[in-house]
Amino acid sequence: NGLTCQRQRGRRPGTSARASVGSVHSGVTSRGPAVGNFLLKAPPQPKAFGCFKGTRRCFTSNNSVPLHRSKTAYYDLLQISPTATRSQIKTAYYKQSFIFHPDKNAGSEQAVLKFTQISEAYSVLSNGILRRKYDRGILTLVDLQMEKSPSDKTLIRKQHQTKITPKQFQSGKPMFNFDEFYRAHYSEQLEKERILRLRKAQYRKEKEDLAERLRLNKIVEVSMAMLLFAGMALLLNFRSNK
């Protein structure tokens, strides 16, 4: 009867109700979910790249989506459109990295985080393979670890070569030469801006000259009209006196 009862209740013969139920806990501990008397060990986190170092991860502005999973986060960081060319990406990176460079914003953790995010964005968007994966929404942390942009390494090397000068702070630490950094990476852009300023100045001068000529022409026209009116008045006055 006991064997039949156990079969009807869905338990294997020879096991007690307490053994069949077991000591299964559905709670989750800091080490992982508990099943039976064993704690499942949480899977190890992959080594991080960029701002994924340790437990510190970078997210979008709403702190819900990691940067590499957001559709436009990298483009937004560099302030460019998803259709930007390699040249535009490089120029945007120079501009943003100059603004948020840690040496320029000493003691600012926000600037350090922003600079790290910008560097990560450039490392992805300057790499054709990583950029295609990012645009398709399939970029992973493993991709960020395994494939680093060679151009990014070269860029960082150039920055280190140009940013240190013999000048010293009073503390004895090397001073970041912003003028040299700016000239090294923005010479072409500065030349374009200089030409643009010259063209604007020339256009403004031509516009002012035109306005001056129109003003003089207006004065001449008014003077001629007044002379003509005065001549007609004299003529009428002369005829009326006859």
C-alpha atoms as a PDB file:
ATOM      1  CA  ASN A   1       0.000   0.000   0.000  1.00  0.00           C
ATOM      2  CA  GLY A   2       2.832   2.396   0.790  1.00  0.00           C
ATOM      3  CA  LEU A   3       4.475   1.657  -2.594  1.00  0.00           C
ATOM      4  CA  THR A   4       1.179   2.194  -4.447  1.00  0.00           C
ATOM      5  CA  CYS A   5       0.572   5.449  -2.611  1.00  0.00           C
ATOM      6  CA  GLN A   6       3.996   6.720  -3.511  1.00  0.00           C
ATOM      7  CA  ARG A   7       3.472   5.882  -7.201  1.00  0.00           C
ATOM      8  CA  GLN A   8       0.089   7.587  -7.218  1.00  0.00           C
ATOM      9  CA  ARG A   9       1.622  10.714  -5.739  1.00  0.00           C
ATOM     10  CA  GLY A  10       4.276  10.842  -8.463  1.00  0.00           C
ATOM     11  CA  ARG A  11       7.271   9.937  -6.296  1.00  0.00           C
ATOM     12  CA  ARG A  12       9.754   7.214  -6.902  1.00  0.00           C
ATOM     13  CA  PRO A  13       9.526   4.263  -4.535  1.00  0.00           C
ATOM     14  CA  GLY A  14      11.911   4.424  -1.612  1.00  0.00           C
ATOM     15  CA  THR A  15      12.001   8.189  -1.336  1.00  0.00           C
ATOM     16  CA  SER A  16      10.347  10.205   1.334  1.00  0.00           C
ATOM     17  CA  ALA A  17       8.257  13.304   0.798  1.00  0.00           C
ATOM     18  CA  ARG A  18      10.982  15.343   2.428  1.00  0.00           C
ATOM     19  CA  ALA A  19      13.633  13.916   0.095  1.00  0.00           C
ATOM     20  CA  SER A  20      11.485  14.451  -2.993  1.00  0.00           C
ATOM     21  CA  VAL A  21      10.875  18.064  -2.154  1.00  0.00           C
ATOM     22  CA  GLY A  22      14.490  18.654  -1.094  1.00  0.00           C
ATOM     23  CA  SER A  23      15.871  21.835   0.299  1.00  0.00           C
ATOM     24  CA  VAL A  24      15.610  23.926  -2.823  1.00  0.00           C
ATOM     25  CA  HIS A  25      15.904  27.657  -2.270  1.00  0.00           C
ATOM     26  CA  SER A  26      14.929  30.044  -5.028  1.00  0.00           C
ATOM     27  CA  GLY A  27      16.669  33.075  -3.545  1.00  0.00           C
ATOM     28  CA  VAL A  28      19.708  34.726  -5.060  1.00  0.00           C
ATOM     29  CA  THR A  29      22.817  35.419  -3.003  1.00  0.00           C
ATOM     30  CA  SER A  30      25.722  37.682  -3.721  1.00  0.00           C
ATOM     31  CA  ARG A  31      27.621  34.716  -5.189  1.00  0.00           C
ATOM     32  CA  GLY A  32      24.834  33.513  -7.448  1.00  0.00           C
ATOM     33  CA  PRO A  33      21.481  31.661  -7.421  1.00  0.00           C
ATOM     34  CA  ALA A  34      21.130  28.824  -4.886  1.00  0.00           C
ATOM     35  CA  VAL A  35      19.886  25.445  -6.123  1.00  0.00           C
ATOM     36  CA  GLY A  36      19.549  22.643  -3.567  1.00  0.00           C
ATOM     37  CA  ASN A  37      22.434  22.776  -1.163  1.00  0.00           C
ATOM     38  CA  PHE A  38      24.780  24.233  -3.817  1.00  0.00           C
ATOM     39  CA  LEU A  39      25.496  27.820  -4.773  1.00  0.00           C
ATOM     40  CA  LEU A  40      25.940  28.361  -8.493  1.00  0.00           C
ATOM     41  CA  LYS A  41      29.019  30.476  -9.029  1.00  0.00           C
ATOM     42  CA  ALA A  42      28.357  33.567 -11.143  1.00  0.00           C
ATOM     43  CA  PRO A  43      30.123  33.489 -14.531  1.00  0.00           C
ATOM     44  CA  PRO A  44      33.330  35.536 -14.581  1.00  0.00           C
ATOM     45  CA  GLN A  45      33.078  38.948 -16.153  1.00  0.00           C
ATOM     46  CA  PRO A  46      35.346  39.475 -19.170  1.00  0.00           C
ATOM     47  CA  LYS A  47      38.220  41.873 -18.838  1.00  0.00           C
ATOM     48  CA  ALA A  48      37.077  45.318 -19.735  1.00  0.00           C
ATOM     49  CA  PHE A  49      38.164  47.740 -22.417  1.00  0.00           C
ATOM     50  CA  GLY A  50      38.082  51.511 -22.224  1.00  0.00           C
ATOM     51  CA  CYS A  51      35.662  52.551 -19.537  1.00  0.00           C
ATOM     52  CA  PHE A  52      34.652  48.929 -18.833  1.00  0.00           C
ATOM     53  CA  LYS A  53      37.599  48.532 -16.461  1.00  0.00           C
ATOM     54  CA  GLY A  54      36.853  46.512 -13.352  1.00  0.00           C
ATOM     55  CA  THR A  55      33.301  47.017 -12.168  1.00  0.00           C
ATOM     56  CA  ARG A  56      33.152  50.536 -13.579  1.00  0.00           C
ATOM     57  CA  ARG A  57      31.072  50.589 -16.759  1.00  0.00           C
ATOM     58  CA  CYS A  58      30.003  53.422 -18.974  1.00  0.00           C
ATOM     59  CA  PHE A  59      26.345  53.842 -19.758  1.00  0.00           C
ATOM     60  CA  THR A  60      24.228  56.212 -21.769  1.00  0.00           C
ATOM     61  CA  SER A  61      22.789  59.348 -20.204  1.00  0.00           C
ATOM     62  CA  ASN A  62      19.829  57.479 -18.721  1.00  0.00           C
ATOM     63  CA  ASN A  63      22.192  54.942 -17.053  1.00  0.00           C
ATOM     64  CA  SER A  64      20.312  52.022 -18.587  1.00  0.00           C
ATOM     65  CA  VAL A  65      22.188  50.959 -21.728  1.00  0.00           C
ATOM     66  CA  PRO A  66      25.962  50.361 -22.030  1.00  0.00           C
ATOM     67  CA  LEU A  67      27.613  52.570 -24.626  1.00  0.00           C
ATOM     68  CA  HIS A  68      28.456  49.732 -27.006  1.00  0.00           C
ATOM     69  CA  ARG A  69      24.812  48.581 -27.010  1.00  0.00           C
ATOM     70  CA  SER A  70      23.331  52.004 -27.719  1.00  0.00           C
ATOM     71  CA  LYS A  71      22.633  52.779 -31.374  1.00  0.00           C
ATOM     72  CA  THR A  72      23.976  56.341 -31.374  1.00  0.00           C
ATOM     73  CA  ALA A  73      25.988  56.809 -28.150  1.00  0.00           C
ATOM     74  CA  TYR A  74      29.395  56.730 -29.845  1.00  0.00           C
ATOM     75  CA  TYR A  75      28.267  59.171 -32.551  1.00  0.00           C
ATOM     76  CA  ASP A  76      26.713  61.443 -29.932  1.00  0.00           C
ATOM     77  CA  LEU A  77      29.947  61.498 -27.917  1.00  0.00           C
ATOM     78  CA  LEU A  78      31.897  62.733 -30.943  1.00  0.00           C
ATOM     79  CA  GLN A  79      28.968  64.964 -32.011  1.00  0.00           C
ATOM     80  CA  ILE A  80      28.827  63.530 -35.532  1.00  0.00           C
ATOM     81  CA  SER A  81      26.193  61.815 -37.650  1.00  0.00           C
ATOM     82  CA  PRO A  82      26.149  58.042 -38.320  1.00  0.00           C
ATOM     83  CA  THR A  83      27.133  58.812 -41.926  1.00  0.00           C
ATOM     84  CA  ALA A  84      30.352  60.619 -40.952  1.00  0.00           C
ATOM     85  CA  THR A  85      33.526  59.793 -42.876  1.00  0.00           C
ATOM     86  CA  ARG A  86      36.806  58.621 -41.328  1.00  0.00           C
ATOM     87  CA  SER A  87      38.231  62.114 -41.712  1.00  0.00           C
ATOM     88  CA  GLN A  88      35.232  63.663 -39.948  1.00  0.00           C
ATOM     89  CA  ILE A  89      35.471  61.080 -37.166  1.00  0.00           C
ATOM     90  CA  LYS A  90      39.161  61.825 -36.669  1.00  0.00           C
ATOM     91  CA  THR A  91      38.609  65.581 -36.632  1.00  0.00           C
ATOM     92  CA  ALA A  92      35.730  65.233 -34.154  1.00  0.00           C
ATOM     93  CA  TYR A  93      37.867  63.044 -31.898  1.00  0.00           C
ATOM     94  CA  TYR A  94      40.700  65.597 -31.863  1.00  0.00           C
ATOM     95  CA  LYS A  95      38.236  68.332 -30.964  1.00  0.00           C
ATOM     96  CA  GLN A  96      36.441  66.474 -28.162  1.00  0.00           C
ATOM     97  CA  SER A  97      39.590  64.897 -26.705  1.00  0.00           C
ATOM     98  CA  PHE A  98      41.204  68.337 -26.548  1.00  0.00           C
ATOM     99  CA  ILE A  99      38.230  69.735 -24.631  1.00  0.00           C
ATOM    100  CA  PHE A 100      38.043  66.887 -22.088  1.00  0.00           C
ATOM    101  CA  HIS A 101      41.742  65.979 -21.836  1.00  0.00           C
ATOM    102  CA  PRO A 102      42.559  65.092 -18.174  1.00  0.00           C
ATOM    103  CA  ASP A 103      45.654  67.318 -18.213  1.00  0.00           C
ATOM    104  CA  LYS A 104      43.460  70.267 -19.133  1.00  0.00           C
ATOM    105  CA  ASN A 105      40.806  69.384 -16.527  1.00  0.00           C
ATOM    106  CA  ALA A 106      42.978  68.459 -13.556  1.00  0.00           C
ATOM    107  CA  GLY A 107      41.046  66.890 -10.686  1.00  0.00           C
ATOM    108  CA  SER A 108      37.819  66.455 -12.650  1.00  0.00           C
ATOM    109  CA  GLU A 109      36.564  62.863 -12.539  1.00  0.00           C
ATOM    110  CA  GLN A 110      33.794  63.781 -14.950  1.00  0.00           C
ATOM    111  CA  ALA A 111      36.375  64.933 -17.508  1.00  0.00           C
ATOM    112  CA  VAL A 112      38.356  61.707 -17.087  1.00  0.00           C
ATOM    113  CA  LEU A 113      35.215  59.632 -17.631  1.00  0.00           C
ATOM    114  CA  LYS A 114      34.209  61.726 -20.643  1.00  0.00           C
ATOM    115  CA  PHE A 115      37.703  61.446 -22.143  1.00  0.00           C
ATOM    116  CA  THR A 116      37.606  57.662 -21.683  1.00  0.00           C
ATOM    117  CA  GLN A 117      34.209  57.445 -23.353  1.00  0.00           C
ATOM    118  CA  ILE A 118      35.397  59.608 -26.254  1.00  0.00           C
ATOM    119  CA  SER A 119      38.496  57.431 -26.694  1.00  0.00           C
ATOM    120  CA  GLU A 120      36.337  54.302 -26.692  1.00  0.00           C
ATOM    121  CA  ALA A 121      33.980  55.828 -29.250  1.00  0.00           C
ATOM    122  CA  TYR A 122      36.879  56.697 -31.535  1.00  0.00           C
ATOM    123  CA  SER A 123      38.466  53.255 -31.189  1.00  0.00           C
ATOM    124  CA  VAL A 124      35.215  51.704 -32.421  1.00  0.00           C
ATOM    125  CA  LEU A 125      34.197  54.171 -35.124  1.00  0.00           C
ATOM    126  CA  SER A 126      37.700  54.426 -36.606  1.00  0.00           C
ATOM    127  CA  ASN A 127      37.807  50.648 -37.027  1.00  0.00           C
ATOM    128  CA  GLY A 128      35.790  49.503 -40.041  1.00  0.00           C
ATOM    129  CA  ILE A 129      34.945  46.072 -38.615  1.00  0.00           C
ATOM    130  CA  LEU A 130      33.926  47.339 -35.189  1.00  0.00           C
ATOM    131  CA  ARG A 131      31.925  50.188 -36.685  1.00  0.00           C
ATOM    132  CA  ARG A 132      29.915  47.836 -38.907  1.00  0.00           C
ATOM    133  CA  LYS A 133      29.169  45.596 -35.938  1.00  0.00           C
ATOM    134  CA  TYR A 134      28.183  48.613 -33.849  1.00  0.00           C
ATOM    135  CA  ASP A 135      25.866  49.950 -36.559  1.00  0.00           C
ATOM    136  CA  ARG A 136      24.241  46.523 -36.828  1.00  0.00           C
ATOM    137  CA  GLY A 137      23.809  46.304 -33.044  1.00  0.00           C
ATOM    138  CA  ILE A 138      25.962  43.191 -32.603  1.00  0.00           C
ATOM    139  CA  LEU A 139      29.059  44.731 -31.013  1.00  0.00           C
ATOM    140  CA  THR A 140      30.131  42.943 -27.816  1.00  0.00           C
ATOM    141  CA  LEU A 141      32.656  43.491 -25.053  1.00  0.00           C
ATOM    142  CA  VAL A 142      34.729  40.670 -26.524  1.00  0.00           C
ATOM    143  CA  ASP A 143      34.992  42.632 -29.784  1.00  0.00           C
ATOM    144  CA  LEU A 144      36.225  45.642 -27.837  1.00  0.00           C
ATOM    145  CA  GLN A 145      38.879  43.527 -26.131  1.00  0.00           C
ATOM    146  CA  MET A 146      40.088  41.539 -29.143  1.00  0.00           C
ATOM    147  CA  GLU A 147      40.166  44.164 -31.863  1.00  0.00           C
ATOM    148  CA  LYS A 148      41.752  47.507 -31.089  1.00  0.00           C
ATOM    149  CA  SER A 149      42.148  50.086 -33.790  1.00  0.00           C
ATOM    150  CA  PRO A 150      45.781  50.391 -35.012  1.00  0.00           C
ATOM    151  CA  SER A 151      45.105  53.989 -35.916  1.00  0.00           C
ATOM    152  CA  ASP A 152      44.051  54.611 -32.328  1.00  0.00           C
ATOM    153  CA  LYS A 153      47.368  53.266 -31.032  1.00  0.00           C
ATOM    154  CA  THR A 154      49.236  55.497 -33.466  1.00  0.00           C
ATOM    155  CA  LEU A 155      47.124  58.473 -32.432  1.00  0.00           C
ATOM    156  CA  ILE A 156      47.791  57.918 -28.737  1.00  0.00           C
ATOM    157  CA  ARG A 157      51.525  57.562 -29.453  1.00  0.00           C
ATOM    158  CA  LYS A 158      51.507  60.879 -31.342  1.00  0.00           C
ATOM    159  CA  GLN A 159      49.691  62.575 -28.482  1.00  0.00           C
ATOM    160  CA  HIS A 160      52.331  61.421 -26.015  1.00  0.00           C
ATOM    161  CA  GLN A 161      55.071  62.636 -28.342  1.00  0.00           C
ATOM    162  CA  THR A 162      53.618  66.126 -28.658  1.00  0.00           C
ATOM    163  CA  LYS A 163      52.051  66.867 -25.305  1.00  0.00           C
ATOM    164  CA  ILE A 164      55.115  66.965 -23.043  1.00  0.00           C
ATOM    165  CA  THR A 165      57.401  70.009 -23.173  1.00  0.00           C
ATOM    166  CA  PRO A 166      60.447  71.095 -21.180  1.00  0.00           C
ATOM    167  CA  LYS A 167      58.335  73.679 -19.388  1.00  0.00           C
ATOM    168  CA  GLN A 168      57.616  72.818 -15.787  1.00  0.00           C
ATOM    169  CA  PHE A 169      55.057  73.732 -13.196  1.00  0.00           C
ATOM    170  CA  GLN A 170      56.377  74.914  -9.866  1.00  0.00           C
ATOM    171  CA  SER A 171      55.678  71.416  -8.567  1.00  0.00           C
ATOM    172  CA  GLY A 172      58.183  70.033 -11.059  1.00  0.00           C
ATOM    173  CA  LYS A 173      55.616  68.129 -13.167  1.00  0.00           C
ATOM    174  CA  PRO A 174      55.763  68.491 -16.971  1.00  0.00           C
ATOM    175  CA  MET A 175      53.239  70.977 -18.315  1.00  0.00           C
ATOM    176  CA  PHE A 176      50.843  70.042 -21.095  1.00  0.00           C
ATOM    177  CA  ASN A 177      51.522  72.308 -24.085  1.00  0.00           C
ATOM    178  CA  PHE A 178      48.066  73.059 -25.463  1.00  0.00           C
ATOM    179  CA  ASP A 179      49.387  75.335 -28.209  1.00  0.00           C
ATOM    180  CA  GLU A 180      51.640  72.602 -29.561  1.00  0.00           C
ATOM    181  CA  PHE A 181      48.889  69.995 -29.292  1.00  0.00           C
ATOM    182  CA  TYR A 182      46.467  72.320 -31.044  1.00  0.00           C
ATOM    183  CA  ARG A 183      48.880  73.123 -33.878  1.00  0.00           C
ATOM    184  CA  ALA A 184      49.846  69.467 -34.318  1.00  0.00           C
ATOM    185  CA  HIS A 185      46.283  68.237 -34.719  1.00  0.00           C
ATOM    186  CA  TYR A 186      44.385  71.271 -35.936  1.00  0.00           C
ATOM    187  CA  SER A 187      46.774  72.945 -38.392  1.00  0.00           C
ATOM    188  CA  GLU A 188      44.558  72.172 -41.371  1.00  0.00           C
ATOM    189  CA  GLN A 189      41.418  73.220 -39.546  1.00  0.00           C
ATOM    190  CA  LEU A 190      43.081  76.417 -38.330  1.00  0.00           C
ATOM    191  CA  GLU A 191      44.131  77.271 -41.885  1.00  0.00           C
ATOM    192  CA  LYS A 192      40.568  76.749 -43.114  1.00  0.00           C
ATOM    193  CA  GLU A 193      39.247  78.942 -40.324  1.00  0.00           C
ATOM    194  CA  ARG A 194      41.813  81.632 -41.160  1.00  0.00           C
ATOM    195  CA  ILE A 195      40.779  81.612 -44.834  1.00  0.00           C
ATOM    196  CA  LEU A 196      37.132  81.690 -43.805  1.00  0.00           C
ATOM    197  CA  ARG A 197      37.762  84.693 -41.549  1.00  0.00           C
ATOM    198  CA  LEU A 198      39.542  86.500 -44.390  1.00  0.00           C
ATOM    199  CA  ARG A 199      36.654  85.805 -46.749  1.00  0.00           C
ATOM    200  CA  LYS A 200      34.154  87.011 -44.174  1.00  0.00           C
ATOM    201  CA  ALA A 201      36.186  90.176 -43.610  1.00  0.00           C
ATOM    202  CA  GLN A 202      36.410  90.765 -47.357  1.00  0.00           C
ATOM    203  CA  TYR A 203      32.683  90.190 -47.791  1.00  0.00           C
ATOM    204  CA  ARG A 204      31.926  92.532 -44.895  1.00  0.00           C
ATOM    205  CA  LYS A 205      34.187  95.220 -46.408  1.00  0.00           C
ATOM    206  CA  GLU A 206      32.561  94.851 -49.825  1.00  0.00           C
ATOM    207  CA  LYS A 207      29.153  95.090 -48.197  1.00  0.00           C
ATOM    208  CA  GLU A 208      30.179  98.229 -46.310  1.00  0.00           C
ATOM    209  CA  ASP A 209      31.638  99.756 -49.487  1.00  0.00           C
ATOM    210  CA  LEU A 210      28.429  99.024 -51.362  1.00  0.00           C
ATOM    211  CA  ALA A 211      26.371 100.587 -48.583  1.00  0.00           C
ATOM    212  CA  GLU A 212      28.622 103.658 -48.666  1.00  0.00           C
ATOM    213  CA  ARG A 213      28.249 103.973 -52.453  1.00  0.00           C
ATOM    214  CA  LEU A 214      24.488 103.664 -52.186  1.00  0.00           C
ATOM    215  CA  ARG A 215      24.465 106.334 -49.488  1.00  0.00           C
ATOM    216  CA  LEU A 216      26.539 108.696 -51.640  1.00  0.00           C
ATOM    217  CA  ASN A 217      24.336 108.017 -54.658  1.00  0.00           C
ATOM    218  CA  LYS A 218      21.299 108.792 -52.548  1.00  0.00           C
ATOM    219  CA  ILE A 219      22.842 112.092 -51.440  1.00  0.00           C
ATOM    220  CA  VAL A 220      23.646 112.991 -55.043  1.00  0.00           C
ATOM    221  CA  GLU A 221      20.117 112.123 -56.161  1.00  0.00           C
ATOM    222  CA  VAL A 222      18.574 114.210 -53.379  1.00  0.00           C
ATOM    223  CA  SER A 223      20.917 117.110 -54.169  1.00  0.00           C
ATOM    224  CA  MET A 224      20.046 116.948 -57.863  1.00  0.00           C
ATOM    225  CA  ALA A 225      16.353 116.860 -57.039  1.00  0.00           C
ATOM    226  CA  MET A 226      16.696 119.893 -54.768  1.00  0.00           C
ATOM    227  CA  LEU A 227      18.663 121.806 -57.420  1.00  0.00           C
ATOM    228  CA  LEU A 228      16.074 120.936 -60.035  1.00  0.00           C
ATOM    229  CA  PHE A 229      13.264 122.028 -57.730  1.00  0.00           C
ATOM    230  CA  ALA A 230      15.092 125.279 -56.927  1.00  0.00           C
ATOM    231  CA  GLY A 231      15.681 125.932 -60.642  1.00  0.00           C
ATOM    232  CA  MET A 232      12.027 125.391 -61.462  1.00  0.00           C
ATOM    233  CA  ALA A 233      11.012 127.692 -58.616  1.00  0.00           C
ATOM    234  CA  LEU A 234      13.305 130.435 -59.886  1.00  0.00           C
ATOM    235  CA  LEU A 235      12.000 130.010 -63.428  1.00  0.00           C
ATOM    236  CA  LEU A 236       8.388 130.260 -62.301  1.00  0.00           C
ATOM    237  CA  ASN A 237       9.205 133.279 -60.168  1.00  0.00           C
ATOM    238  CA  PHE A 238      10.965 134.972 -63.097  1.00  0.00           C
ATOM    239  CA  ARG A 239       8.001 134.415 -65.415  1.00  0.00           C
ATOM    240  CA  SER A 240       5.516 135.697 -62.842  1.00  0.00           C
ATOM    241  CA  ASN A 241       7.478 138.949 -62.504  1.00  0.00           C
ATOM    242  CA  LYS A 242       7.266 139.719 -66.226  1.00  0.00           C
END
